[in-house]
């Protein structure tokens, strides 16, 4: 239910994890953010109201309790 209107919320959308060539999202999102925005606009235009983003856990975690901090910070850490 939507809080203000009390109307039912029916999720409809997409899984988003790779582009049309098979590249994983986290492999291109920094360099090609405009492409990600374009994809989200296309999903919205198709009527999506939810998008489930699949990321590779191993890319962002070194172990179960140790994050891979540079992966979370992106290019900001590469500039130093």
C-alpha atoms as a PDB file:
ATOM      1  CA  UNK A   1       0.000   0.000   0.000  1.00  0.00           C
ATOM      2  CA  UNK A   2       1.140   3.493  -0.736  1.00  0.00           C
ATOM      3  CA  UNK A   3       1.233   5.404   2.514  1.00  0.00           C
ATOM      4  CA  UNK A   4      -0.534   8.614   1.541  1.00  0.00           C
ATOM      5  CA  UNK A   5      -3.141   7.314  -0.909  1.00  0.00           C
ATOM      6  CA  UNK A   6      -3.586   3.846   0.605  1.00  0.00           C
ATOM      7  CA  UNK A   7      -3.645   2.514  -2.961  1.00  0.00           C
ATOM      8  CA  UNK A   8      -2.063  -0.876  -3.608  1.00  0.00           C
ATOM      9  CA  UNK A   9       1.503  -0.828  -4.866  1.00  0.00           C
ATOM     10  CA  UNK A  10       2.158  -3.391  -7.575  1.00  0.00           C
ATOM     11  CA  UNK A  11       5.874  -3.671  -8.321  1.00  0.00           C
ATOM     12  CA  UNK A  12       6.726  -4.179 -11.978  1.00  0.00           C
ATOM     13  CA  UNK A  13      10.191  -3.846 -13.355  1.00  0.00           C
ATOM     14  CA  UNK A  14      13.462  -5.324 -14.378  1.00  0.00           C
ATOM     15  CA  UNK A  15      16.573  -7.070 -13.137  1.00  0.00           C
ATOM     16  CA  UNK A  16      19.591  -4.959 -14.041  1.00  0.00           C
ATOM     17  CA  UNK A  17      23.073  -6.406 -13.918  1.00  0.00           C
ATOM     18  CA  UNK A  18      24.668  -6.247 -17.350  1.00  0.00           C
ATOM     19  CA  UNK A  19      24.478  -4.465 -20.670  1.00  0.00           C
ATOM     20  CA  UNK A  20      23.493  -5.864 -24.048  1.00  0.00           C
ATOM     21  CA  UNK A  21      27.037  -7.171 -24.609  1.00  0.00           C
ATOM     22  CA  UNK A  22      27.174  -8.999 -21.270  1.00  0.00           C
ATOM     23  CA  UNK A  23      29.428  -6.564 -19.395  1.00  0.00           C
ATOM     24  CA  UNK A  24      28.611  -6.461 -15.685  1.00  0.00           C
ATOM     25  CA  UNK A  25      27.176  -3.169 -14.464  1.00  0.00           C
ATOM     26  CA  UNK A  26      30.020  -2.544 -12.052  1.00  0.00           C
ATOM     27  CA  UNK A  27      32.526  -2.943 -14.910  1.00  0.00           C
ATOM     28  CA  UNK A  28      31.251   0.101 -16.813  1.00  0.00           C
ATOM     29  CA  UNK A  29      29.066   2.278 -14.584  1.00  0.00           C
ATOM     30  CA  UNK A  30      31.803   4.751 -13.635  1.00  0.00           C
ATOM     31  CA  UNK A  31      33.071   5.352 -17.157  1.00  0.00           C
ATOM     32  CA  UNK A  32      29.652   5.139 -18.824  1.00  0.00           C
ATOM     33  CA  UNK A  33      27.217   6.598 -16.285  1.00  0.00           C
ATOM     34  CA  UNK A  34      25.200   8.223 -19.088  1.00  0.00           C
ATOM     35  CA  UNK A  35      24.464   4.721 -20.417  1.00  0.00           C
ATOM     36  CA  UNK A  36      23.136   3.660 -17.007  1.00  0.00           C
ATOM     37  CA  UNK A  37      20.895   6.746 -16.893  1.00  0.00           C
ATOM     38  CA  UNK A  38      19.669   5.994 -20.413  1.00  0.00           C
ATOM     39  CA  UNK A  39      18.851   2.409 -19.427  1.00  0.00           C
ATOM     40  CA  UNK A  40      16.883   3.590 -16.382  1.00  0.00           C
ATOM     41  CA  UNK A  41      14.977   6.103 -18.493  1.00  0.00           C
ATOM     42  CA  UNK A  42      14.121   3.338 -20.958  1.00  0.00           C
ATOM     43  CA  UNK A  43      12.881   1.081 -18.149  1.00  0.00           C
ATOM     44  CA  UNK A  44      10.764   3.946 -16.792  1.00  0.00           C
ATOM     45  CA  UNK A  45       9.343   4.591 -20.265  1.00  0.00           C
ATOM     46  CA  UNK A  46       8.388   0.906 -20.436  1.00  0.00           C
ATOM     47  CA  UNK A  47       6.400   1.339 -17.218  1.00  0.00           C
ATOM     48  CA  UNK A  48       8.818   0.019 -14.616  1.00  0.00           C
ATOM     49  CA  UNK A  49       8.398   1.235 -11.069  1.00  0.00           C
ATOM     50  CA  UNK A  50      11.159  -0.961  -9.587  1.00  0.00           C
ATOM     51  CA  UNK A  51      14.610  -2.092 -10.697  1.00  0.00           C
ATOM     52  CA  UNK A  52      16.538  -4.832  -8.948  1.00  0.00           C
ATOM     53  CA  UNK A  53      20.280  -4.247  -9.289  1.00  0.00           C
ATOM     54  CA  UNK A  54      22.515  -7.289  -9.077  1.00  0.00           C
ATOM     55  CA  UNK A  55      26.083  -6.634  -7.988  1.00  0.00           C
ATOM     56  CA  UNK A  56      28.834  -9.176  -7.517  1.00  0.00           C
ATOM     57  CA  UNK A  57      29.450  -9.513  -3.773  1.00  0.00           C
ATOM     58  CA  UNK A  58      33.075 -10.521  -4.292  1.00  0.00           C
ATOM     59  CA  UNK A  59      33.689  -7.221  -6.048  1.00  0.00           C
ATOM     60  CA  UNK A  60      32.690  -5.222  -2.971  1.00  0.00           C
ATOM     61  CA  UNK A  61      33.696  -7.535  -0.103  1.00  0.00           C
ATOM     62  CA  UNK A  62      37.129  -9.017   0.612  1.00  0.00           C
ATOM     63  CA  UNK A  63      35.580 -11.401   3.138  1.00  0.00           C
ATOM     64  CA  UNK A  64      32.317 -11.795   5.037  1.00  0.00           C
ATOM     65  CA  UNK A  65      33.255  -8.973   7.388  1.00  0.00           C
ATOM     66  CA  UNK A  66      35.815  -6.914   5.422  1.00  0.00           C
ATOM     67  CA  UNK A  67      34.657  -4.507   2.706  1.00  0.00           C
ATOM     68  CA  UNK A  68      36.740  -3.739  -0.349  1.00  0.00           C
ATOM     69  CA  UNK A  69      36.757   0.001   0.374  1.00  0.00           C
ATOM     70  CA  UNK A  70      38.178   1.169  -2.984  1.00  0.00           C
ATOM     71  CA  UNK A  71      35.330  -0.615  -4.779  1.00  0.00           C
ATOM     72  CA  UNK A  72      32.795   1.431  -2.802  1.00  0.00           C
ATOM     73  CA  UNK A  73      34.628   4.696  -3.386  1.00  0.00           C
ATOM     74  CA  UNK A  74      35.213   4.170  -7.094  1.00  0.00           C
ATOM     75  CA  UNK A  75      37.454   6.502  -9.016  1.00  0.00           C
ATOM     76  CA  UNK A  76      37.867   8.868  -6.071  1.00  0.00           C
ATOM     77  CA  UNK A  77      40.465   6.460  -4.633  1.00  0.00           C
ATOM     78  CA  UNK A  78      42.226   5.976  -7.975  1.00  0.00           C
ATOM     79  CA  UNK A  79      42.993   9.691  -8.255  1.00  0.00           C
ATOM     80  CA  UNK A  80      45.124   9.723  -5.087  1.00  0.00           C
END
